[in-house]
Amino acid sequence: MATRTDAPTRREQILREAARLFAERGFHGVGVDEIGAAVGISGPGLYRHFAGKDAMLAELLVGISGQLLTGGKRCVAEADGSPERVLDALIEGHIDFALDDRSLITLHDRELDRLRDTDRKLVRQLQRQYVEIWVDVVRKVYPDLAENAARVSVHAVFGLLNSTPHLSRRDALPSRTAMAELLHSLARGAFAATAT
């Protein structure tokens, strides 16, 4: 969801490669030496940036949950007052995440339970806040929709959008633009179906 154009820091490089490797082989299937090699430093050199693999995992999962929440709040704040446009912006932002950060979705699905309780609770708290932004907007677009139905539909749309890592290899999917348009159409269709 970020639009930074400058080069990633060493810490960001480490996190990106750790996410990729953890998603490919599982948290316990990857050692610090492999993560270090992926970014061109020694495994022990990682300890200058992180206390260990657990700290990397926590930063990845807490970090992306915080970024999604911040992005959701930004969509609402920058809206011109039209709930339809806010919903479209939320969907587009989540699609960007789903298409660009597929490894983090896989990592969340497989490794959330490996976090310390405090980090796992923080991830869940951030996610609940993010969901509630969506629920509020969906209910403004579809005012007759009950709150619990709106919440269920938001979770269903997240399931749809977050299925991207399971679809196929990235190079076997339609173009990014075509995929984003398809996902957006499916998400809007799911919300419309819930409201009828």
Protein backbone atom coordinates (compact mmCIF):
# COMPACT_ATOMS: atom_id res chain seq x y z
CA MET A 1 0.00 0.00 0.00
CA ALA A 2 3.01 2.26 0.33
CA THR A 3 4.20 4.21 -2.68
CA ARG A 4 7.83 4.72 -1.70
CA THR A 5 10.19 4.96 -4.61
CA ASP A 6 13.55 5.04 -2.83
CA ALA A 7 15.64 1.91 -2.40
CA PRO A 8 14.66 -0.40 0.45
CA THR A 9 16.77 -0.32 3.59
CA ARG A 10 18.77 -3.38 4.61
CA ARG A 11 16.14 -4.09 7.27
CA GLU A 12 13.37 -3.96 4.63
CA GLN A 13 15.38 -6.24 2.35
CA ILE A 14 15.77 -8.74 5.17
CA LEU A 15 12.05 -8.64 5.93
CA ARG A 16 11.09 -9.07 2.27
CA GLU A 17 13.37 -12.10 1.85
CA ALA A 18 12.34 -13.57 5.20
CA ALA A 19 8.67 -13.30 4.18
CA ARG A 20 9.37 -14.98 0.85
CA LEU A 21 11.40 -17.80 2.40
CA PHE A 22 9.01 -18.35 5.32
CA ALA A 23 6.08 -18.50 2.86
CA GLU A 24 7.91 -20.96 0.60
CA ARG A 25 9.33 -23.31 3.25
CA GLY A 26 7.66 -22.48 6.54
CA PHE A 27 9.04 -20.62 9.51
CA HIS A 28 10.92 -23.62 10.92
CA GLY A 29 12.17 -24.64 7.47
CA VAL A 30 14.34 -21.53 7.11
CA GLY A 31 17.48 -20.66 9.03
CA VAL A 32 19.06 -17.27 9.63
CA ASP A 33 21.96 -18.26 7.36
CA GLU A 34 19.56 -18.69 4.44
CA ILE A 35 17.89 -15.34 5.08
CA GLY A 36 21.29 -13.67 5.35
CA ALA A 37 22.50 -15.29 2.12
CA ALA A 38 19.38 -14.04 0.32
CA VAL A 39 20.34 -10.43 1.14
CA GLY A 40 24.10 -10.84 0.86
CA ILE A 41 25.10 -10.87 4.53
CA SER A 42 26.08 -13.59 6.97
CA GLY A 43 23.38 -15.22 9.08
CA PRO A 44 24.87 -13.82 12.29
CA GLY A 45 24.89 -10.39 10.61
CA LEU A 46 21.09 -10.47 10.80
CA TYR A 47 21.34 -10.06 14.55
CA ARG A 48 22.46 -6.45 14.02
CA HIS A 49 18.98 -5.83 12.62
CA PHE A 50 16.75 -8.32 14.48
CA ALA A 51 16.88 -10.26 17.73
CA GLY A 52 16.05 -13.42 15.76
CA LYS A 53 13.58 -15.07 13.42
CA ASP A 54 10.74 -14.58 15.91
CA ALA A 55 11.30 -10.82 15.80
CA MET A 56 11.23 -10.87 11.99
CA LEU A 57 7.98 -12.81 11.96
CA ALA A 58 6.41 -10.43 14.46
CA GLU A 59 7.50 -7.35 12.54
CA LEU A 60 6.15 -8.81 9.30
CA LEU A 61 2.72 -9.74 10.63
CA VAL A 62 2.20 -6.80 12.99
CA GLY A 63 3.64 -4.49 10.34
CA ILE A 64 1.32 -5.50 7.52
CA SER A 65 -1.71 -5.41 9.81
CA GLY A 66 -0.78 -1.87 10.82
CA GLN A 67 -0.19 -0.85 7.20
CA LEU A 68 -3.60 -2.14 6.15
CA LEU A 69 -5.28 -0.27 9.00
CA THR A 70 -3.41 2.95 8.17
CA GLY A 71 -4.33 2.57 4.50
CA GLY A 72 -7.98 2.00 5.39
CA LYS A 73 -8.06 5.11 7.57
CA ARG A 74 -6.40 7.08 4.78
CA CYS A 75 -9.07 5.95 2.28
CA VAL A 76 -11.79 7.23 4.58
CA ALA A 77 -9.98 10.50 5.36
CA GLU A 78 -9.19 11.28 1.72
CA ALA A 79 -12.67 10.45 0.44
CA ASP A 80 -14.84 13.09 -1.11
CA GLY A 81 -17.79 12.00 1.00
CA SER A 82 -19.10 9.34 -1.38
CA PRO A 83 -19.35 5.96 0.41
CA GLU A 84 -19.20 4.25 -3.01
CA ARG A 85 -15.84 5.84 -3.74
CA VAL A 86 -14.54 5.00 -0.28
CA LEU A 87 -15.54 1.36 -0.74
CA ASP A 88 -13.85 1.29 -4.14
CA ALA A 89 -10.70 2.80 -2.61
CA LEU A 90 -10.71 0.24 0.21
CA ILE A 91 -11.12 -2.59 -2.28
CA GLU A 92 -8.34 -1.22 -4.50
CA GLY A 93 -5.99 -0.84 -1.55
CA HIS A 94 -6.64 -4.38 -0.37
CA ILE A 95 -6.20 -5.71 -3.91
CA ASP A 96 -2.81 -3.98 -4.06
CA PHE A 97 -1.87 -5.81 -0.86
CA ALA A 98 -3.25 -9.14 -2.12
CA LEU A 99 -1.39 -8.95 -5.42
CA ASP A 100 1.86 -7.38 -4.19
CA ASP A 101 2.31 -9.07 -0.81
CA ARG A 102 1.19 -12.62 -1.52
CA SER A 103 3.91 -14.08 0.70
CA LEU A 104 2.56 -12.15 3.70
CA ILE A 105 -0.88 -13.66 3.18
CA THR A 106 0.64 -17.15 3.12
CA LEU A 107 2.77 -16.32 6.14
CA HIS A 108 -0.25 -15.08 8.08
CA ASP A 109 -2.27 -18.18 7.20
CA ARG A 110 0.49 -20.58 8.27
CA GLU A 111 2.50 -18.87 10.98
CA LEU A 112 0.26 -16.51 13.00
CA ASP A 113 0.11 -19.03 15.84
CA ARG A 114 3.91 -18.93 16.15
CA LEU A 115 3.83 -15.32 17.36
CA ARG A 116 4.15 -14.50 21.03
CA ASP A 117 0.74 -13.95 22.63
CA THR A 118 1.24 -10.20 22.86
CA ASP A 119 2.15 -9.90 19.16
CA ARG A 120 -0.69 -12.20 18.08
CA LYS A 121 -3.17 -10.16 20.13
CA LEU A 122 -1.85 -6.96 18.56
CA VAL A 123 -2.27 -8.41 15.05
CA ARG A 124 -5.85 -9.42 15.87
CA GLN A 125 -6.60 -5.99 17.39
CA LEU A 126 -5.31 -4.19 14.28
CA GLN A 127 -7.26 -6.54 12.03
CA ARG A 128 -10.49 -5.97 13.96
CA GLN A 129 -10.08 -2.22 13.59
CA TYR A 130 -9.47 -2.64 9.86
CA VAL A 131 -12.59 -4.81 9.51
CA GLU A 132 -14.68 -2.22 11.35
CA ILE A 133 -13.62 0.50 8.89
CA TRP A 134 -14.93 -1.68 6.09
CA VAL A 135 -18.14 -2.59 7.96
CA ASP A 136 -18.91 1.09 8.50
CA VAL A 137 -18.38 1.91 4.82
CA VAL A 138 -20.32 -1.12 3.56
CA ARG A 139 -23.27 -0.12 5.76
CA LYS A 140 -23.17 3.39 4.31
CA VAL A 141 -23.26 1.98 0.77
CA TYR A 142 -25.96 -0.55 1.71
CA PRO A 143 -27.89 1.10 4.58
CA ASP A 144 -30.44 -1.74 4.89
CA LEU A 145 -27.70 -4.28 5.55
CA ALA A 146 -27.55 -5.43 9.18
CA GLU A 147 -24.23 -4.92 10.95
CA ASN A 148 -23.54 -8.64 11.40
CA ALA A 149 -24.33 -9.31 7.71
CA ALA A 150 -21.98 -6.48 6.71
CA ARG A 151 -19.22 -7.95 8.89
CA VAL A 152 -19.70 -11.43 7.42
CA SER A 153 -19.60 -10.00 3.90
CA VAL A 154 -16.39 -8.08 4.67
CA HIS A 155 -14.73 -11.26 5.91
CA ALA A 156 -15.97 -13.13 2.83
CA VAL A 157 -14.53 -10.47 0.53
CA PHE A 158 -11.22 -10.63 2.42
CA GLY A 159 -11.24 -14.40 1.84
CA LEU A 160 -11.82 -13.82 -1.86
CA LEU A 161 -9.11 -11.18 -2.20
CA ASN A 162 -6.64 -13.00 0.03
CA SER A 163 -6.96 -16.18 -2.03
CA THR A 164 -4.45 -14.83 -4.57
CA PRO A 165 -1.47 -16.85 -3.24
CA HIS A 166 -3.48 -20.02 -3.79
CA LEU A 167 -4.60 -19.30 -7.35
CA SER A 168 -1.51 -20.26 -9.28
CA ARG A 169 2.05 -19.24 -9.83
CA ARG A 170 2.28 -15.49 -10.30
CA ASP A 171 3.42 -15.87 -13.92
CA ALA A 172 0.38 -18.05 -14.74
CA LEU A 173 -2.15 -15.40 -13.70
CA PRO A 174 -3.64 -12.77 -16.01
CA SER A 175 -1.86 -9.42 -16.12
CA ARG A 176 -1.82 -7.48 -12.87
CA THR A 177 -4.27 -4.95 -14.29
CA ALA A 178 -6.69 -7.64 -15.49
CA MET A 179 -6.40 -9.49 -12.17
CA ALA A 180 -7.05 -6.30 -10.18
CA GLU A 181 -10.11 -5.49 -12.30
CA LEU A 182 -11.46 -9.02 -11.90
CA LEU A 183 -10.95 -9.03 -8.13
CA HIS A 184 -12.57 -5.60 -7.82
CA SER A 185 -15.59 -6.72 -9.81
CA LEU A 186 -15.91 -9.90 -7.73
CA ALA A 187 -15.64 -7.95 -4.46
CA ARG A 188 -18.30 -5.44 -5.48
CA GLY A 189 -20.49 -8.29 -6.69
CA ALA A 190 -20.16 -10.07 -3.37
CA PHE A 191 -21.21 -6.97 -1.45
CA ALA A 192 -24.14 -6.34 -3.82
CA ALA A 193 -25.27 -9.96 -3.46
CA THR A 194 -25.22 -9.68 0.32
CA ALA A 195 -27.39 -6.58 0.19
CA THR A 196 -30.12 -8.14 -1.95
